[in-house]
PDB file of N, CA and C in Angstrom:
ATOM      1  N   MET A   1      34.976  11.855  23.889  1.00  0.00           N
ATOM      2  CA  MET A   1      33.614  12.116  23.451  1.00  0.00           C
ATOM      3  C   MET A   1      32.663  11.151  24.171  1.00  0.00           C
ATOM      4  N   PRO A   2      31.574  11.667  24.782  1.00  0.00           N
ATOM      5  CA  PRO A   2      30.657  10.799  25.525  1.00  0.00           C
ATOM      6  C   PRO A   2      29.884   9.870  24.579  1.00  0.00           C
ATOM      7  N   ARG A   3      29.629   8.662  25.080  1.00  0.00           N
ATOM      8  CA  ARG A   3      28.834   7.698  24.314  1.00  0.00           C
ATOM      9  C   ARG A   3      27.355   7.999  24.447  1.00  0.00           C
ATOM     10  N   LYS A   4      26.629   7.825  23.361  1.00  0.00           N
ATOM     11  CA  LYS A   4      25.172   7.993  23.424  1.00  0.00           C
ATOM     12  C   LYS A   4      24.561   6.759  24.073  1.00  0.00           C
ATOM     13  N   HIS A   5      23.624   6.990  24.959  1.00  0.00           N
ATOM     14  CA  HIS A   5      22.925   5.882  25.597  1.00  0.00           C
ATOM     15  C   HIS A   5      21.691   5.560  24.780  1.00  0.00           C
ATOM     16  N   THR A   6      21.582   4.306  24.399  1.00  0.00           N
ATOM     17  CA  THR A   6      20.405   3.893  23.637  1.00  0.00           C
ATOM     18  C   THR A   6      19.403   3.144  24.502  1.00  0.00           C
ATOM     19  N   ALA A   7      19.758   2.878  25.738  1.00  0.00           N
ATOM     20  CA  ALA A   7      18.848   2.190  26.640  1.00  0.00           C
ATOM     21  C   ALA A   7      17.680   3.105  26.990  1.00  0.00           C
ATOM     22  N   ILE A   8      16.543   2.500  27.164  1.00  0.00           N
ATOM     23  CA  ILE A   8      15.344   3.256  27.530  1.00  0.00           C
ATOM     24  C   ILE A   8      15.361   3.497  29.041  1.00  0.00           C
ATOM     25  N   THR A   9      15.124   4.720  29.436  1.00  0.00           N
ATOM     26  CA  THR A   9      15.127   5.071  30.853  1.00  0.00           C
ATOM     27  C   THR A   9      13.820   4.639  31.502  1.00  0.00           C
ATOM     28  N   ALA A  10      13.808   4.625  32.813  1.00  0.00           N
ATOM     29  CA  ALA A  10      12.598   4.259  33.558  1.00  0.00           C
ATOM     30  C   ALA A  10      11.456   5.221  33.228  1.00  0.00           C
ATOM     31  N   LEU A  11      11.776   6.499  33.075  1.00  0.00           N
ATOM     32  CA  LEU A  11      10.740   7.482  32.744  1.00  0.00           C
ATOM     33  C   LEU A  11      10.163   7.217  31.352  1.00  0.00           C
ATOM     34  N   GLU A  12      11.014   6.840  30.426  1.00  0.00           N
ATOM     35  CA  GLU A  12      10.520   6.519  29.077  1.00  0.00           C
ATOM     36  C   GLU A  12       9.634   5.275  29.094  1.00  0.00           C
ATOM     37  N   HIS A  13       9.996   4.301  29.921  1.00  0.00           N
ATOM     38  CA  HIS A  13       9.146   3.113  30.093  1.00  0.00           C
ATOM     39  C   HIS A  13       7.789   3.512  30.650  1.00  0.00           C
ATOM     40  N   LEU A  14       7.806   4.374  31.649  1.00  0.00           N
ATOM     41  CA  LEU A  14       6.562   4.827  32.259  1.00  0.00           C
ATOM     42  C   LEU A  14       5.697   5.580  31.252  1.00  0.00           C
ATOM     43  N   ASN A  15       6.314   6.456  30.468  1.00  0.00           N
ATOM     44  CA  ASN A  15       5.573   7.205  29.443  1.00  0.00           C
ATOM     45  C   ASN A  15       4.984   6.263  28.397  1.00  0.00           C
ATOM     46  N   LEU A  16       5.752   5.256  27.984  1.00  0.00           N
ATOM     47  CA  LEU A  16       5.269   4.289  27.006  1.00  0.00           C
ATOM     48  C   LEU A  16       4.093   3.492  27.569  1.00  0.00           C
ATOM     49  N   ALA A  17       4.203   3.071  28.819  1.00  0.00           N
ATOM     50  CA  ALA A  17       3.114   2.332  29.461  1.00  0.00           C
ATOM     51  C   ALA A  17       1.857   3.190  29.545  1.00  0.00           C
ATOM     52  N   ALA A  18       2.017   4.475  29.854  1.00  0.00           N
ATOM     53  CA  ALA A  18       0.868   5.383  29.927  1.00  0.00           C
ATOM     54  C   ALA A  18       0.215   5.548  28.556  1.00  0.00           C
ATOM     55  N   LYS A  19       1.024   5.645  27.505  1.00  0.00           N
ATOM     56  CA  LYS A  19       0.475   5.772  26.153  1.00  0.00           C
ATOM     57  C   LYS A  19      -0.289   4.521  25.759  1.00  0.00           C
ATOM     58  N   ILE A  20       0.251   3.362  26.114  1.00  0.00           N
ATOM     59  CA  ILE A  20      -0.440   2.106  25.807  1.00  0.00           C
ATOM     60  C   ILE A  20      -1.759   2.036  26.559  1.00  0.00           C
ATOM     61  N   ALA A  21      -1.762   2.449  27.810  1.00  0.00           N
ATOM     62  CA  ALA A  21      -3.004   2.456  28.596  1.00  0.00           C
ATOM     63  C   ALA A  21      -4.031   3.389  27.965  1.00  0.00           C
ATOM     64  N   ASP A  22      -3.590   4.548  27.489  1.00  0.00           N
ATOM     65  CA  ASP A  22      -4.503   5.478  26.815  1.00  0.00           C
ATOM     66  C   ASP A  22      -5.074   4.855  25.548  1.00  0.00           C
ATOM     67  N   LEU A  23      -4.225   4.172  24.780  1.00  0.00           N
ATOM     68  CA  LEU A  23      -4.690   3.517  23.555  1.00  0.00           C
ATOM     69  C   LEU A  23      -5.706   2.423  23.865  1.00  0.00           C
ATOM     70  N   LYS A  24      -5.448   1.665  24.934  1.00  0.00           N
ATOM     71  CA  LYS A  24      -6.395   0.614  25.327  1.00  0.00           C
ATOM     72  C   LYS A  24      -7.748   1.220  25.699  1.00  0.00           C
ATOM     73  N   GLU A  25      -7.727   2.325  26.421  1.00  0.00           N
ATOM     74  CA  GLU A  25      -8.970   3.003  26.805  1.00  0.00           C
ATOM     75  C   GLU A  25      -9.699   3.514  25.561  1.00  0.00           C
ATOM     76  N   ASP A  26      -8.966   4.130  24.644  1.00  0.00           N
ATOM     77  CA  ASP A  26      -9.572   4.616  23.394  1.00  0.00           C
ATOM     78  C   ASP A  26     -10.162   3.464  22.596  1.00  0.00           C
ATOM     79  N   HIS A  27      -9.430   2.363  22.525  1.00  0.00           N
ATOM     80  CA  HIS A  27      -9.903   1.185  21.790  1.00  0.00           C
ATOM     81  C   HIS A  27     -11.189   0.652  22.411  1.00  0.00           C
ATOM     82  N   TYR A  28     -11.218   0.554  23.732  1.00  0.00           N
ATOM     83  CA  TYR A  28     -12.410   0.082  24.432  1.00  0.00           C
ATOM     84  C   TYR A  28     -13.613   0.970  24.128  1.00  0.00           C
ATOM     85  N   ARG A  29     -13.434   2.277  24.219  1.00  0.00           N
ATOM     86  CA  ARG A  29     -14.546   3.206  23.984  1.00  0.00           C
ATOM     87  C   ARG A  29     -15.023   3.144  22.531  1.00  0.00           C
ATOM     88  N   THR A  30     -14.094   3.010  21.605  1.00  0.00           N
ATOM     89  CA  THR A  30     -14.463   2.891  20.192  1.00  0.00           C
ATOM     90  C   THR A  30     -15.252   1.603  19.963  1.00  0.00           C
ATOM     91  N   LEU A  31     -14.775   0.499  20.510  1.00  0.00           N
ATOM     92  CA  LEU A  31     -15.464  -0.774  20.359  1.00  0.00           C
ATOM     93  C   LEU A  31     -16.845  -0.737  20.999  1.00  0.00           C
ATOM     94  N   LEU A  32     -16.950  -0.110  22.149  1.00  0.00           N
ATOM     95  CA  LEU A  32     -18.240   0.016  22.828  1.00  0.00           C
ATOM     96  C   LEU A  32     -19.221   0.821  21.970  1.00  0.00           C
ATOM     97  N   THR A  33     -18.759   1.913  21.382  1.00  0.00           N
ATOM     98  CA  THR A  33     -19.608   2.753  20.532  1.00  0.00           C
ATOM     99  C   THR A  33     -20.064   1.995  19.292  1.00  0.00           C
ATOM    100  N   VAL A  34     -19.137   1.305  18.648  1.00  0.00           N
ATOM    101  CA  VAL A  34     -19.487   0.531  17.448  1.00  0.00           C
ATOM    102  C   VAL A  34     -20.492  -0.562  17.805  1.00  0.00           C
ATOM    103  N   SER A  35     -20.282  -1.215  18.922  1.00  0.00           N
ATOM    104  CA  SER A  35     -21.206  -2.261  19.358  1.00  0.00           C
ATOM    105  C   SER A  35     -22.604  -1.697  19.629  1.00  0.00           C
ATOM    106  N   ALA A  36     -22.659  -0.549  20.280  1.00  0.00           N
ATOM    107  CA  ALA A  36     -23.954   0.067  20.586  1.00  0.00           C
ATOM    108  C   ALA A  36     -24.679   0.467  19.304  1.00  0.00           C
ATOM    109  N   VAL A  37     -23.975   1.078  18.374  1.00  0.00           N
ATOM    110  CA  VAL A  37     -24.595   1.490  17.108  1.00  0.00           C
ATOM    111  C   VAL A  37     -25.066   0.265  16.335  1.00  0.00           C
ATOM    112  N   THR A  38     -24.253  -0.774  16.319  1.00  0.00           N
ATOM    113  CA  THR A  38     -24.627  -2.015  15.624  1.00  0.00           C
ATOM    114  C   THR A  38     -25.903  -2.600  16.214  1.00  0.00           C
ATOM    115  N   GLU A  39     -25.956  -2.686  17.530  1.00  0.00           N
ATOM    116  CA  GLU A  39     -27.149  -3.232  18.178  1.00  0.00           C
ATOM    117  C   GLU A  39     -28.386  -2.380  17.893  1.00  0.00           C
ATOM    118  N   LEU A  40     -28.228  -1.064  17.891  1.00  0.00           N
ATOM    119  CA  LEU A  40     -29.366  -0.193  17.567  1.00  0.00           C
ATOM    120  C   LEU A  40     -29.848  -0.418  16.134  1.00  0.00           C
ATOM    121  N   LEU A  41     -28.920  -0.533  15.193  1.00  0.00           N
ATOM    122  CA  LEU A  41     -29.301  -0.767  13.796  1.00  0.00           C
ATOM    123  C   LEU A  41     -30.039  -2.094  13.647  1.00  0.00           C
ATOM    124  N   ILE A  42     -29.578  -3.107  14.361  1.00  0.00           N
ATOM    125  CA  ILE A  42     -30.244  -4.417  14.309  1.00  0.00           C
ATOM    126  C   ILE A  42     -31.603  -4.347  14.989  1.00  0.00           C
ATOM    127  N   ASP A  43     -31.669  -3.734  16.165  1.00  0.00           N
ATOM    128  CA  ASP A  43     -32.931  -3.611  16.904  1.00  0.00           C
ATOM    129  C   ASP A  43     -33.989  -2.858  16.100  1.00  0.00           C
ATOM    130  N   LYS A  44     -33.571  -1.859  15.328  1.00  0.00           N
ATOM    131  CA  LYS A  44     -34.511  -1.061  14.540  1.00  0.00           C
ATOM    132  C   LYS A  44     -34.848  -1.718  13.197  1.00  0.00           C
ATOM    133  N   GLY A  45     -34.220  -2.855  12.916  1.00  0.00           N
ATOM    134  CA  GLY A  45     -34.512  -3.580  11.683  1.00  0.00           C
ATOM    135  C   GLY A  45     -33.863  -2.968  10.455  1.00  0.00           C
ATOM    136  N   ILE A  46     -32.883  -2.129  10.645  1.00  0.00           N
ATOM    137  CA  ILE A  46     -32.210  -1.485   9.513  1.00  0.00           C
ATOM    138  C   ILE A  46     -31.257  -2.467   8.838  1.00  0.00           C
ATOM    139  N   ILE A  47     -30.588  -3.284   9.646  1.00  0.00           N
ATOM    140  CA  ILE A  47     -29.742  -4.350   9.119  1.00  0.00           C
ATOM    141  C   ILE A  47     -29.998  -5.614   9.926  1.00  0.00           C
ATOM    142  N   THR A  48     -29.579  -6.748   9.383  1.00  0.00           N
ATOM    143  CA  THR A  48     -29.667  -8.006  10.133  1.00  0.00           C
ATOM    144  C   THR A  48     -28.250  -8.415  10.546  1.00  0.00           C
ATOM    145  N   ARG A  49     -28.196  -9.304  11.526  1.00  0.00           N
ATOM    146  CA  ARG A  49     -26.890  -9.820  11.938  1.00  0.00           C
ATOM    147  C   ARG A  49     -26.188 -10.517  10.778  1.00  0.00           C
ATOM    148  N   GLU A  50     -26.966 -11.224   9.980  1.00  0.00           N
ATOM    149  CA  GLU A  50     -26.392 -11.942   8.843  1.00  0.00           C
ATOM    150  C   GLU A  50     -25.770 -10.969   7.839  1.00  0.00           C
ATOM    151  N   GLU A  51     -26.476  -9.861   7.554  1.00  0.00           N
ATOM    152  CA  GLU A  51     -25.915  -8.848   6.643  1.00  0.00           C
ATOM    153  C   GLU A  51     -24.615  -8.269   7.208  1.00  0.00           C
ATOM    154  N   LEU A  52     -24.629  -8.010   8.490  1.00  0.00           N
ATOM    155  CA  LEU A  52     -23.439  -7.465   9.143  1.00  0.00           C
ATOM    156  C   LEU A  52     -22.273  -8.448   9.058  1.00  0.00           C
ATOM    157  N   GLU A  53     -22.546  -9.724   9.344  1.00  0.00           N
ATOM    158  CA  GLU A  53     -21.496 -10.738   9.287  1.00  0.00           C
ATOM    159  C   GLU A  53     -20.953 -10.896   7.868  1.00  0.00           C
ATOM    160  N   LEU A  54     -21.837 -10.873   6.865  1.00  0.00           N
ATOM    161  CA  LEU A  54     -21.393 -10.970   5.470  1.00  0.00           C
ATOM    162  C   LEU A  54     -20.526  -9.776   5.080  1.00  0.00           C
ATOM    163  N   LYS A  55     -20.946  -8.580   5.474  1.00  0.00           N
ATOM    164  CA  LYS A  55     -20.184  -7.380   5.147  1.00  0.00           C
ATOM    165  C   LYS A  55     -18.826  -7.397   5.842  1.00  0.00           C
ATOM    166  N   ALA A  56     -18.797  -7.809   7.106  1.00  0.00           N
ATOM    167  CA  ALA A  56     -17.535  -7.882   7.841  1.00  0.00           C
ATOM    168  C   ALA A  56     -16.590  -8.883   7.174  1.00  0.00           C
ATOM    169  N   ALA A  57     -17.113 -10.031   6.766  1.00  0.00           N
ATOM    170  CA  ALA A  57     -16.283 -11.035   6.092  1.00  0.00           C
ATOM    171  C   ALA A  57     -15.771 -10.500   4.761  1.00  0.00           C
ATOM    172  N   SER A  58     -16.622  -9.794   4.033  1.00  0.00           N
ATOM    173  CA  SER A  58     -16.231  -9.217   2.745  1.00  0.00           C
ATOM    174  C   SER A  58     -15.119  -8.186   2.926  1.00  0.00           C
ATOM    175  N   LEU A  59     -15.281  -7.295   3.885  1.00  0.00           N
ATOM    176  CA  LEU A  59     -14.256  -6.283   4.144  1.00  0.00           C
ATOM    177  C   LEU A  59     -12.959  -6.919   4.618  1.00  0.00           C
ATOM    178  N   ASP A  60     -13.063  -7.966   5.427  1.00  0.00           N
ATOM    179  CA  ASP A  60     -11.881  -8.670   5.910  1.00  0.00           C
ATOM    180  C   ASP A  60     -11.123  -9.289   4.739  1.00  0.00           C
ATOM    181  N   ASN A  61     -11.858  -9.904   3.813  1.00  0.00           N
ATOM    182  CA  ASN A  61     -11.219 -10.494   2.634  1.00  0.00           C
ATOM    183  C   ASN A  61     -10.549  -9.429   1.775  1.00  0.00           C
ATOM    184  N   GLU A  62     -11.217  -8.308   1.575  1.00  0.00           N
ATOM    185  CA  GLU A  62     -10.627  -7.220   0.784  1.00  0.00           C
ATOM    186  C   GLU A  62      -9.338  -6.707   1.418  1.00  0.00           C
ATOM    187  N   LEU A  63      -9.365  -6.522   2.730  1.00  0.00           N
ATOM    188  CA  LEU A  63      -8.184  -6.041   3.435  1.00  0.00           C
ATOM    189  C   LEU A  63      -7.051  -7.051   3.334  1.00  0.00           C
ATOM    190  N   GLU A  64      -7.387  -8.318   3.498  1.00  0.00           N
ATOM    191  CA  GLU A  64      -6.368  -9.378   3.390  1.00  0.00           C
ATOM    192  C   GLU A  64      -5.725  -9.363   2.006  1.00  0.00           C
ATOM    193  N   GLU A  65      -6.538  -9.206   0.960  1.00  0.00           N
ATOM    194  CA  GLU A  65      -6.008  -9.149  -0.405  1.00  0.00           C
ATOM    195  C   GLU A  65      -5.099  -7.940  -0.597  1.00  0.00           C
ATOM    196  N   LEU A  66      -5.473  -6.802  -0.030  1.00  0.00           N
ATOM    197  CA  LEU A  66      -4.632  -5.617  -0.131  1.00  0.00           C
ATOM    198  C   LEU A  66      -3.301  -5.823   0.579  1.00  0.00           C
ATOM    199  N   ILE A  67      -3.350  -6.432   1.741  1.00  0.00           N
ATOM    200  CA  ILE A  67      -2.123  -6.676   2.503  1.00  0.00           C
ATOM    201  C   ILE A  67      -1.218  -7.633   1.754  1.00  0.00           C
ATOM    202  N   VAL A  68      -1.782  -8.740   1.300  1.00  0.00           N
ATOM    203  CA  VAL A  68      -0.991  -9.722   0.553  1.00  0.00           C
ATOM    204  C   VAL A  68      -0.442  -9.083  -0.721  1.00  0.00           C
ATOM    205  N   GLY A  69      -1.262  -8.304  -1.398  1.00  0.00           N
ATOM    206  CA  GLY A  69      -0.811  -7.633  -2.624  1.00  0.00           C
ATOM    207  C   GLY A  69       0.304  -6.658  -2.369  1.00  0.00           C
ATOM    208  N   SER A  70       0.268  -5.974  -1.242  1.00  0.00           N
ATOM    209  CA  SER A  70       1.329  -5.002  -0.953  1.00  0.00           C
ATOM    210  C   SER A  70       2.620  -5.692  -0.528  1.00  0.00           C
ATOM    211  N   LEU A  71       2.503  -6.884   0.065  1.00  0.00           N
ATOM    212  CA  LEU A  71       3.693  -7.628   0.470  1.00  0.00           C
ATOM    213  C   LEU A  71       4.339  -8.363  -0.699  1.00  0.00           C
ATOM    214  N   HIS A  72       3.512  -8.737  -1.671  1.00  0.00           N
ATOM    215  CA  HIS A  72       3.987  -9.488  -2.833  1.00  0.00           C
ATOM    216  C   HIS A  72       3.457  -8.841  -4.100  1.00  0.00           C
ATOM    217  N   PRO A  73       3.935  -7.667  -4.458  1.00  0.00           N
ATOM    218  CA  PRO A  73       3.368  -6.932  -5.591  1.00  0.00           C
ATOM    219  C   PRO A  73       3.526  -7.625  -6.938  1.00  0.00           C
ATOM    220  N   MET A  74       4.475  -8.529  -7.078  1.00  0.00           N
ATOM    221  CA  MET A  74       4.696  -9.190  -8.348  1.00  0.00           C
ATOM    222  C   MET A  74       3.986 -10.543  -8.431  1.00  0.00           C
ATOM    223  N   ALA A  75       3.281 -10.957  -7.400  1.00  0.00           N
ATOM    224  CA  ALA A  75       2.639 -12.275  -7.380  1.00  0.00           C
ATOM    225  C   ALA A  75       1.388 -12.291  -8.207  1.00  0.00           C
TER     226      ALA A  75
END
């Protein structure tokens, strides 16, 4: 009976590298869009940088609490 090969082939490496490159491009475009919208909102006086920073810190804390809570549900 033939043994199954678990090693990744060169083609699979190439496909994985291409997927990572696509993700990096998508991430860049998403970040660029968010940055542009943020700057427009600030320029138009709809929000301030301080409000944005406070909201980002608040969301970061909430996410951290959710992550910690999911890792240690009995804590």
